[in-house]
PDB file of N, CA and C in Angstrom:
ATOM      1  N   MET A   1      17.613   8.148   6.786  1.00  0.00           N
ATOM      2  CA  MET A   1      17.005   7.652   6.274  1.00  0.00           C
ATOM      3  C   MET A   1      16.676   6.126   6.246  1.00  0.00           C
ATOM      4  N   ILE A   2      15.825   5.665   6.653  1.00  0.00           N
ATOM      5  CA  ILE A   2      15.366   4.562   6.866  1.00  0.00           C
ATOM      6  C   ILE A   2      15.528   3.501   6.029  1.00  0.00           C
ATOM      7  N   LYS A   3      16.557   2.745   5.166  1.00  0.00           N
ATOM      8  CA  LYS A   3      15.813   1.595   4.097  1.00  0.00           C
ATOM      9  C   LYS A   3      14.938   1.314   4.262  1.00  0.00           C
ATOM     10  N   PRO A   4      13.957   1.075   3.286  1.00  0.00           N
ATOM     11  CA  PRO A   4      12.527  -0.007   3.401  1.00  0.00           C
ATOM     12  C   PRO A   4      12.709  -1.433   3.330  1.00  0.00           C
ATOM     13  N   ALA A   5      12.667  -2.370   4.342  1.00  0.00           N
ATOM     14  CA  ALA A   5      12.396  -3.628   4.201  1.00  0.00           C
ATOM     15  C   ALA A   5      11.860  -3.964   2.321  1.00  0.00           C
ATOM     16  N   LYS A   6      12.281  -5.236   2.376  1.00  0.00           N
ATOM     17  CA  LYS A   6      11.706  -5.413   1.343  1.00  0.00           C
ATOM     18  C   LYS A   6      10.757  -6.886   1.406  1.00  0.00           C
ATOM     19  N   ILE A   7       9.531  -6.932   0.411  1.00  0.00           N
ATOM     20  CA  ILE A   7       8.274  -7.991   0.426  1.00  0.00           C
ATOM     21  C   ILE A   7       8.482  -8.588  -0.768  1.00  0.00           C
ATOM     22  N   PHE A   8       8.478 -10.333  -0.787  1.00  0.00           N
ATOM     23  CA  PHE A   8       9.013 -11.453  -1.773  1.00  0.00           C
ATOM     24  C   PHE A   8       7.657 -11.287  -2.675  1.00  0.00           C
ATOM     25  N   CYS A   9       7.189 -11.692  -3.712  1.00  0.00           N
ATOM     26  CA  CYS A   9       6.202 -12.199  -4.442  1.00  0.00           C
ATOM     27  C   CYS A   9       6.215 -13.683  -4.828  1.00  0.00           C
ATOM     28  N   ASP A  10       6.140 -14.456  -4.175  1.00  0.00           N
ATOM     29  CA  ASP A  10       5.634 -15.922  -4.465  1.00  0.00           C
ATOM     30  C   ASP A  10       5.362 -16.382  -6.165  1.00  0.00           C
ATOM     31  N   ASN A  11       4.482 -15.387  -6.562  1.00  0.00           N
ATOM     32  CA  ASN A  11       4.012 -15.989  -8.012  1.00  0.00           C
ATOM     33  C   ASN A  11       4.916 -15.566  -9.181  1.00  0.00           C
ATOM     34  N   CYS A  12       5.729 -14.277  -9.149  1.00  0.00           N
ATOM     35  CA  CYS A  12       6.149 -13.672  -9.979  1.00  0.00           C
ATOM     36  C   CYS A  12       7.676 -13.870  -9.858  1.00  0.00           C
ATOM     37  N   GLU A  13       7.835 -13.998  -8.341  1.00  0.00           N
ATOM     38  CA  GLU A  13       9.436 -14.136  -7.900  1.00  0.00           C
ATOM     39  C   GLU A  13      10.383 -12.834  -8.326  1.00  0.00           C
ATOM     40  N   LYS A  14       9.650 -11.799  -7.547  1.00  0.00           N
ATOM     41  CA  LYS A  14       9.858 -10.522  -7.480  1.00  0.00           C
ATOM     42  C   LYS A  14      10.293  -9.881  -6.259  1.00  0.00           C
ATOM     43  N   GLU A  15      11.430  -9.017  -5.969  1.00  0.00           N
ATOM     44  CA  GLU A  15      11.356  -8.617  -4.623  1.00  0.00           C
ATOM     45  C   GLU A  15      10.479  -7.367  -4.780  1.00  0.00           C
ATOM     46  N   LEU A  16       9.971  -6.829  -3.985  1.00  0.00           N
ATOM     47  CA  LEU A  16       9.005  -5.390  -4.341  1.00  0.00           C
ATOM     48  C   LEU A  16      10.023  -4.343  -3.224  1.00  0.00           C
ATOM     49  N   ASP A  17       9.610  -3.417  -3.963  1.00  0.00           N
ATOM     50  CA  ASP A  17       9.919  -2.437  -2.915  1.00  0.00           C
ATOM     51  C   ASP A  17       8.962  -1.659  -1.639  1.00  0.00           C
ATOM     52  N   PHE A  18       7.570  -2.109  -2.767  1.00  0.00           N
ATOM     53  CA  PHE A  18       6.035  -1.897  -1.978  1.00  0.00           C
ATOM     54  C   PHE A  18       5.065  -2.636  -2.552  1.00  0.00           C
ATOM     55  N   VAL A  19       3.915  -2.571  -1.892  1.00  0.00           N
ATOM     56  CA  VAL A  19       2.925  -3.364  -2.456  1.00  0.00           C
ATOM     57  C   VAL A  19       1.624  -2.720  -2.399  1.00  0.00           C
ATOM     58  N   LEU A  20       0.408  -3.145  -3.119  1.00  0.00           N
ATOM     59  CA  LEU A  20      -0.515  -1.691  -3.390  1.00  0.00           C
ATOM     60  C   LEU A  20      -1.477  -2.662  -2.623  1.00  0.00           C
ATOM     61  N   ILE A  21      -2.305  -1.368  -2.112  1.00  0.00           N
ATOM     62  CA  ILE A  21      -3.880  -1.507  -1.303  1.00  0.00           C
ATOM     63  C   ILE A  21      -4.632  -0.812  -1.425  1.00  0.00           C
ATOM     64  N   ASP A  22      -6.012  -1.641  -2.131  1.00  0.00           N
ATOM     65  CA  ASP A  22      -7.035  -0.344  -2.462  1.00  0.00           C
ATOM     66  C   ASP A  22      -7.612   0.117  -1.433  1.00  0.00           C
ATOM     67  N   GLY A  23      -7.886   0.942  -1.683  1.00  0.00           N
ATOM     68  CA  GLY A  23      -8.669   2.242  -0.748  1.00  0.00           C
ATOM     69  C   GLY A  23      -9.965   1.713  -0.141  1.00  0.00           C
ATOM     70  N   TYR A  24     -10.710   0.847  -0.656  1.00  0.00           N
ATOM     71  CA  TYR A  24     -11.613   0.768  -0.350  1.00  0.00           C
ATOM     72  C   TYR A  24     -11.604  -0.332   0.685  1.00  0.00           C
ATOM     73  N   LEU A  25     -10.793  -0.773   1.054  1.00  0.00           N
ATOM     74  CA  LEU A  25     -10.335  -2.012   2.363  1.00  0.00           C
ATOM     75  C   LEU A  25     -11.119  -0.687   3.315  1.00  0.00           C
ATOM     76  N   PHE A  26     -10.941   0.614   3.519  1.00  0.00           N
ATOM     77  CA  PHE A  26     -10.554   1.627   4.480  1.00  0.00           C
ATOM     78  C   PHE A  26     -11.526   3.352   4.158  1.00  0.00           C
ATOM     79  N   GLY A  27     -11.758   3.145   2.849  1.00  0.00           N
ATOM     80  CA  GLY A  27     -12.306   4.465   2.325  1.00  0.00           C
ATOM     81  C   GLY A  27     -14.112   3.945   1.984  1.00  0.00           C
ATOM     82  N   ASP A  28     -13.954   2.727   1.874  1.00  0.00           N
ATOM     83  CA  ASP A  28     -15.229   2.305   1.266  1.00  0.00           C
ATOM     84  C   ASP A  28     -14.909   2.685  -0.192  1.00  0.00           C
ATOM     85  N   ARG A  29     -16.437   3.361  -0.460  1.00  0.00           N
ATOM     86  CA  ARG A  29     -16.348   3.963  -2.025  1.00  0.00           C
ATOM     87  C   ARG A  29     -15.724   4.925  -2.308  1.00  0.00           C
ATOM     88  N   LEU A  30     -15.699   5.992  -1.550  1.00  0.00           N
ATOM     89  CA  LEU A  30     -14.239   6.979  -2.040  1.00  0.00           C
ATOM     90  C   LEU A  30     -13.301   6.922  -2.454  1.00  0.00           C
ATOM     91  N   LEU A  31     -12.872   5.742  -2.104  1.00  0.00           N
ATOM     92  CA  LEU A  31     -11.571   5.376  -2.549  1.00  0.00           C
ATOM     93  C   LEU A  31     -11.606   4.069  -3.410  1.00  0.00           C
ATOM     94  N   GLU A  32     -12.684   3.606  -3.456  1.00  0.00           N
ATOM     95  CA  GLU A  32     -12.462   2.504  -4.442  1.00  0.00           C
ATOM     96  C   GLU A  32     -11.416   2.801  -5.777  1.00  0.00           C
ATOM     97  N   GLY A  33     -11.129   1.742  -5.746  1.00  0.00           N
ATOM     98  CA  GLY A  33      -9.995   1.451  -7.245  1.00  0.00           C
ATOM     99  C   GLY A  33      -8.517   2.466  -6.718  1.00  0.00           C
ATOM    100  N   VAL A  34      -8.651   3.332  -5.859  1.00  0.00           N
ATOM    101  CA  VAL A  34      -7.328   4.392  -5.703  1.00  0.00           C
ATOM    102  C   VAL A  34      -6.574   3.139  -5.090  1.00  0.00           C
ATOM    103  N   MET A  35      -5.616   3.078  -5.467  1.00  0.00           N
ATOM    104  CA  MET A  35      -4.603   1.726  -4.891  1.00  0.00           C
ATOM    105  C   MET A  35      -3.353   2.721  -3.988  1.00  0.00           C
ATOM    106  N   PHE A  36      -3.396   2.185  -2.747  1.00  0.00           N
ATOM    107  CA  PHE A  36      -2.245   2.869  -2.110  1.00  0.00           C
ATOM    108  C   PHE A  36      -1.114   2.022  -2.161  1.00  0.00           C
ATOM    109  N   LYS A  37       0.389   3.064  -2.325  1.00  0.00           N
ATOM    110  CA  LYS A  37       1.373   2.349  -1.818  1.00  0.00           C
ATOM    111  C   LYS A  37       2.052   1.859  -0.735  1.00  0.00           C
ATOM    112  N   ILE A  38       2.178   0.764  -0.468  1.00  0.00           N
ATOM    113  CA  ILE A  38       3.088   0.233   1.203  1.00  0.00           C
ATOM    114  C   ILE A  38       4.221   0.015   0.621  1.00  0.00           C
ATOM    115  N   SER A  39       4.955   0.394   1.791  1.00  0.00           N
ATOM    116  CA  SER A  39       6.013   0.338   2.126  1.00  0.00           C
ATOM    117  C   SER A  39       6.680  -0.636   3.581  1.00  0.00           C
ATOM    118  N   LEU A  40       7.555  -1.225   3.700  1.00  0.00           N
ATOM    119  CA  LEU A  40       7.847  -1.722   5.194  1.00  0.00           C
ATOM    120  C   LEU A  40       9.304  -0.891   5.626  1.00  0.00           C
ATOM    121  N   SER A  41       9.238  -0.846   6.799  1.00  0.00           N
ATOM    122  CA  SER A  41      10.710  -0.111   7.264  1.00  0.00           C
ATOM    123  C   SER A  41      10.965  -0.705   8.722  1.00  0.00           C
ATOM    124  N   GLU A  42      12.238  -0.075   9.736  1.00  0.00           N
ATOM    125  CA  GLU A  42      11.966  -0.491  10.589  1.00  0.00           C
ATOM    126  C   GLU A  42      10.748  -0.241  11.513  1.00  0.00           C
ATOM    127  N   ASN A  43      10.179   1.072  11.014  1.00  0.00           N
ATOM    128  CA  ASN A  43       9.655   1.532  11.737  1.00  0.00           C
ATOM    129  C   ASN A  43       7.717   1.322  11.603  1.00  0.00           C
ATOM    130  N   GLY A  44       7.726   0.274  10.747  1.00  0.00           N
ATOM    131  CA  GLY A  44       6.342  -0.569  10.157  1.00  0.00           C
ATOM    132  C   GLY A  44       6.125  -0.424   9.184  1.00  0.00           C
ATOM    133  N   ARG A  45       4.452  -0.048   8.666  1.00  0.00           N
ATOM    134  CA  ARG A  45       3.852  -0.125   7.524  1.00  0.00           C
ATOM    135  C   ARG A  45       3.784   1.242   7.109  1.00  0.00           C
ATOM    136  N   THR A  46       4.415   1.671   5.994  1.00  0.00           N
ATOM    137  CA  THR A  46       4.385   3.557   5.573  1.00  0.00           C
ATOM    138  C   THR A  46       3.592   3.727   4.115  1.00  0.00           C
ATOM    139  N   CYS A  47       2.602   4.117   4.503  1.00  0.00           N
ATOM    140  CA  CYS A  47       2.124   4.730   3.050  1.00  0.00           C
ATOM    141  C   CYS A  47       3.158   5.935   2.129  1.00  0.00           C
ATOM    142  N   ILE A  48       3.246   5.340   0.915  1.00  0.00           N
ATOM    143  CA  ILE A  48       4.403   5.645   0.343  1.00  0.00           C
ATOM    144  C   ILE A  48       3.795   6.714  -0.384  1.00  0.00           C
ATOM    145  N   GLY A  49       2.906   7.067  -0.995  1.00  0.00           N
ATOM    146  CA  GLY A  49       1.440   7.624  -2.479  1.00  0.00           C
ATOM    147  C   GLY A  49       0.665   6.604  -2.744  1.00  0.00           C
ATOM    148  N   VAL A  50       0.059   6.970  -3.969  1.00  0.00           N
ATOM    149  CA  VAL A  50      -0.542   6.116  -4.783  1.00  0.00           C
ATOM    150  C   VAL A  50      -0.277   6.014  -6.122  1.00  0.00           C
ATOM    151  N   ASP A  51      -1.126   5.134  -6.788  1.00  0.00           N
ATOM    152  CA  ASP A  51      -0.989   4.502  -8.033  1.00  0.00           C
ATOM    153  C   ASP A  51      -0.828   5.978  -8.941  1.00  0.00           C
ATOM    154  N   SER A  52       0.621   5.945  -9.843  1.00  0.00           N
ATOM    155  CA  SER A  52      -0.491   7.137 -11.187  1.00  0.00           C
ATOM    156  C   SER A  52      -1.667   7.628 -11.378  1.00  0.00           C
ATOM    157  N   GLU A  53      -2.477   6.119 -12.008  1.00  0.00           N
ATOM    158  CA  GLU A  53      -3.733   6.769 -12.158  1.00  0.00           C
ATOM    159  C   GLU A  53      -4.747   7.327 -11.116  1.00  0.00           C
ATOM    160  N   SER A  54      -4.020   7.073  -9.973  1.00  0.00           N
ATOM    161  CA  SER A  54      -5.191   8.012  -8.874  1.00  0.00           C
ATOM    162  C   SER A  54      -4.301   9.013  -8.422  1.00  0.00           C
ATOM    163  N   GLU A  55      -3.574   9.406  -8.607  1.00  0.00           N
ATOM    164  CA  GLU A  55      -2.689  10.880  -8.176  1.00  0.00           C
ATOM    165  C   GLU A  55      -3.573  12.406  -8.408  1.00  0.00           C
ATOM    166  N   VAL A  56      -4.151  12.496  -9.705  1.00  0.00           N
ATOM    167  CA  VAL A  56      -5.056  13.559  -9.791  1.00  0.00           C
ATOM    168  C   VAL A  56      -5.949  13.235  -8.894  1.00  0.00           C
ATOM    169  N   TYR A  57      -7.019  12.107  -8.601  1.00  0.00           N
ATOM    170  CA  TYR A  57      -8.006  12.080  -8.184  1.00  0.00           C
ATOM    171  C   TYR A  57      -7.747  12.025  -6.354  1.00  0.00           C
ATOM    172  N   MET A  58      -7.020  12.368  -5.992  1.00  0.00           N
ATOM    173  CA  MET A  58      -6.211  12.242  -4.599  1.00  0.00           C
ATOM    174  C   MET A  58      -5.943  13.253  -4.831  1.00  0.00           C
ATOM    175  N   LYS A  59      -5.583  14.619  -5.231  1.00  0.00           N
ATOM    176  CA  LYS A  59      -5.618  15.821  -5.039  1.00  0.00           C
ATOM    177  C   LYS A  59      -6.623  16.284  -4.556  1.00  0.00           C
ATOM    178  N   GLN A  60      -7.981  15.750  -4.785  1.00  0.00           N
ATOM    179  CA  GLN A  60      -9.406  16.796  -4.115  1.00  0.00           C
ATOM    180  C   GLN A  60      -9.486  16.514  -2.991  1.00  0.00           C
ATOM    181  N   LEU A  61      -8.691  15.302  -2.407  1.00  0.00           N
ATOM    182  CA  LEU A  61      -9.138  14.832  -1.460  1.00  0.00           C
ATOM    183  C   LEU A  61      -8.191  15.426  -0.196  1.00  0.00           C
ATOM    184  N   ASN A  62      -8.553  15.104   1.464  1.00  0.00           N
ATOM    185  CA  ASN A  62      -6.965  15.513   2.070  1.00  0.00           C
ATOM    186  C   ASN A  62      -6.255  13.913   2.384  1.00  0.00           C
ATOM    187  N   TRP A  63      -5.080  14.240   1.806  1.00  0.00           N
ATOM    188  CA  TRP A  63      -4.067  13.686   1.821  1.00  0.00           C
ATOM    189  C   TRP A  63      -3.274  13.007   2.432  1.00  0.00           C
ATOM    190  N   LYS A  64      -3.570  14.104   3.907  1.00  0.00           N
ATOM    191  CA  LYS A  64      -2.749  13.296   4.875  1.00  0.00           C
ATOM    192  C   LYS A  64      -3.221  12.488   5.808  1.00  0.00           C
ATOM    193  N   TYR A  65      -4.698  12.671   5.680  1.00  0.00           N
ATOM    194  CA  TYR A  65      -6.079  11.982   6.663  1.00  0.00           C
ATOM    195  C   TYR A  65      -5.912  10.872   6.206  1.00  0.00           C
ATOM    196  N   TRP A  66      -6.061  10.541   4.577  1.00  0.00           N
ATOM    197  CA  TRP A  66      -6.243   9.052   4.087  1.00  0.00           C
ATOM    198  C   TRP A  66      -4.804   8.548   4.101  1.00  0.00           C
ATOM    199  N   LYS A  67      -3.675   9.281   3.983  1.00  0.00           N
ATOM    200  CA  LYS A  67      -2.475   8.582   4.508  1.00  0.00           C
ATOM    201  C   LYS A  67      -2.144   7.510   5.361  1.00  0.00           C
ATOM    202  N   LYS A  68      -2.805   8.721   7.071  1.00  0.00           N
ATOM    203  CA  LYS A  68      -3.042   8.076   7.912  1.00  0.00           C
ATOM    204  C   LYS A  68      -3.940   6.790   8.196  1.00  0.00           C
ATOM    205  N   GLN A  69      -5.153   7.023   7.154  1.00  0.00           N
ATOM    206  CA  GLN A  69      -6.364   6.022   7.680  1.00  0.00           C
ATOM    207  C   GLN A  69      -5.918   4.557   7.331  1.00  0.00           C
ATOM    208  N   CYS A  70      -5.120   4.924   5.984  1.00  0.00           N
ATOM    209  CA  CYS A  70      -4.173   3.852   5.148  1.00  0.00           C
ATOM    210  C   CYS A  70      -3.150   3.164   6.151  1.00  0.00           C
ATOM    211  N   GLU A  71      -2.467   3.934   6.829  1.00  0.00           N
ATOM    212  CA  GLU A  71      -1.224   3.363   8.039  1.00  0.00           C
ATOM    213  C   GLU A  71      -2.148   2.816   8.564  1.00  0.00           C
ATOM    214  N   ASP A  72      -2.839   3.235   9.253  1.00  0.00           N
ATOM    215  CA  ASP A  72      -3.698   2.397  10.459  1.00  0.00           C
ATOM    216  C   ASP A  72      -4.472   1.237  10.430  1.00  0.00           C
ATOM    217  N   PHE A  73      -4.804   1.330   9.008  1.00  0.00           N
ATOM    218  CA  PHE A  73      -5.710   0.017   8.332  1.00  0.00           C
ATOM    219  C   PHE A  73      -4.775  -1.465   8.248  1.00  0.00           C
ATOM    220  N   CYS A  74      -3.343  -1.010   7.619  1.00  0.00           N
ATOM    221  CA  CYS A  74      -2.459  -1.878   7.342  1.00  0.00           C
ATOM    222  C   CYS A  74      -1.446  -1.974   8.875  1.00  0.00           C
ATOM    223  N   THR A  75      -1.922  -1.871   9.682  1.00  0.00           N
ATOM    224  CA  THR A  75      -1.367  -2.327  11.140  1.00  0.00           C
ATOM    225  C   THR A  75      -1.765  -3.621  11.866  1.00  0.00           C
ATOM    226  N   GLU A  76      -3.188  -4.005  11.065  1.00  0.00           N
ATOM    227  CA  GLU A  76      -3.501  -5.264  11.334  1.00  0.00           C
ATOM    228  C   GLU A  76      -4.010  -5.839  10.008  1.00  0.00           C
ATOM    229  N   TYR A  77      -3.779  -5.483   9.060  1.00  0.00           N
ATOM    230  CA  TYR A  77      -3.859  -5.919   7.600  1.00  0.00           C
ATOM    231  C   TYR A  77      -3.056  -6.783   6.873  1.00  0.00           C
ATOM    232  N   ASP A  78      -2.629  -7.993   6.563  1.00  0.00           N
ATOM    233  CA  ASP A  78      -1.589  -8.539   5.924  1.00  0.00           C
ATOM    234  C   ASP A  78      -1.710  -8.742   4.896  1.00  0.00           C
ATOM    235  N   LEU A  79      -2.465  -8.671   3.550  1.00  0.00           N
ATOM    236  CA  LEU A  79      -2.861  -9.010   2.625  1.00  0.00           C
ATOM    237  C   LEU A  79      -2.190  -8.120   1.731  1.00  0.00           C
ATOM    238  N   ALA A  80      -2.164  -7.793   0.532  1.00  0.00           N
ATOM    239  CA  ALA A  80      -1.830  -6.664  -0.725  1.00  0.00           C
ATOM    240  C   ALA A  80      -1.679  -7.349  -2.058  1.00  0.00           C
ATOM    241  N   GLU A  81      -1.516  -6.582  -2.718  1.00  0.00           N
ATOM    242  CA  GLU A  81      -1.644  -6.715  -4.422  1.00  0.00           C
ATOM    243  C   GLU A  81       0.280  -6.757  -4.450  1.00  0.00           C
ATOM    244  N   CYS A  82       0.420  -7.349  -5.381  1.00  0.00           N
ATOM    245  CA  CYS A  82       1.711  -7.273  -5.956  1.00  0.00           C
ATOM    246  C   CYS A  82       1.198  -6.547  -7.192  1.00  0.00           C
ATOM    247  N   PRO A  83       1.947  -5.222  -7.368  1.00  0.00           N
ATOM    248  CA  PRO A  83       2.333  -4.203  -8.137  1.00  0.00           C
ATOM    249  C   PRO A  83       2.841  -4.830  -9.533  1.00  0.00           C
ATOM    250  N   TYR A  84       3.254  -5.709  -9.801  1.00  0.00           N
ATOM    251  CA  TYR A  84       3.859  -6.580 -10.765  1.00  0.00           C
ATOM    252  C   TYR A  84       2.910  -7.570 -11.356  1.00  0.00           C
ATOM    253  N   CYS A  85       2.254  -8.372 -10.932  1.00  0.00           N
ATOM    254  CA  CYS A  85       1.467  -9.189 -11.569  1.00  0.00           C
ATOM    255  C   CYS A  85      -0.034  -9.380 -10.989  1.00  0.00           C
ATOM    256  N   GLY A  86      -0.296  -8.462  -9.760  1.00  0.00           N
ATOM    257  CA  GLY A  86      -1.594  -8.363  -9.188  1.00  0.00           C
ATOM    258  C   GLY A  86      -2.234  -9.833  -8.679  1.00  0.00           C
ATOM    259  N   GLU A  87      -1.278 -10.415  -8.473  1.00  0.00           N
ATOM    260  CA  GLU A  87      -1.721 -11.277  -7.338  1.00  0.00           C
ATOM    261  C   GLU A  87      -0.710 -10.858  -5.907  1.00  0.00           C
ATOM    262  N   GLU A  88      -2.204 -11.862  -5.245  1.00  0.00           N
ATOM    263  CA  GLU A  88      -2.023 -11.639  -3.174  1.00  0.00           C
ATOM    264  C   GLU A  88      -0.697 -11.732  -3.053  1.00  0.00           C
ATOM    265  N   VAL A  89      -0.594 -10.986  -1.916  1.00  0.00           N
ATOM    266  CA  VAL A  89       0.869 -11.036  -1.185  1.00  0.00           C
ATOM    267  C   VAL A  89       0.551 -10.862   0.127  1.00  0.00           C
ATOM    268  N   LEU A  90       1.351 -11.660   0.793  1.00  0.00           N
ATOM    269  CA  LEU A  90       1.122 -11.783   2.401  1.00  0.00           C
ATOM    270  C   LEU A  90       2.216 -10.163   2.635  1.00  0.00           C
ATOM    271  N   ILE A  91       2.318  -9.746   3.398  1.00  0.00           N
ATOM    272  CA  ILE A  91       2.888  -8.765   3.937  1.00  0.00           C
ATOM    273  C   ILE A  91       3.303  -9.184   5.361  1.00  0.00           C
ATOM    274  N   GLU A  92       4.843  -9.488   5.684  1.00  0.00           N
ATOM    275  CA  GLU A  92       5.436  -9.991   7.122  1.00  0.00           C
ATOM    276  C   GLU A  92       6.433  -9.147   7.559  1.00  0.00           C
ATOM    277  N   GLN A  93       6.280  -8.737   8.521  1.00  0.00           N
ATOM    278  CA  GLN A  93       7.389  -7.803   9.240  1.00  0.00           C
ATOM    279  C   GLN A  93       8.131  -8.576  10.162  1.00  0.00           C
ATOM    280  N   GLU A  94       9.643  -8.922  10.000  1.00  0.00           N
ATOM    281  CA  GLU A  94      10.334  -9.637  10.719  1.00  0.00           C
ATOM    282  C   GLU A  94      10.209  -8.970  11.981  1.00  0.00           C
TER     283      GLU A  94
END
């Protein structure tokens, strides 16, 4: 198993295992407020789930489809949200 790379939040000065992306950015109003968890690995950006408040809602949707949409979107999108402080975090892949 590949160990995910770390992301750093300058605002709260924490090393993050994942960041959050609002599903509205790629799923419009259907996914508005659904926060997708994104981690970094040697293979790129990976969607590892959604926040706990969105899990029940996502069970009624096609998870595999939306996971892929999220990962495709994240290949070109570099801004996310820190899960601790909510501030913007730059996703940088070395």
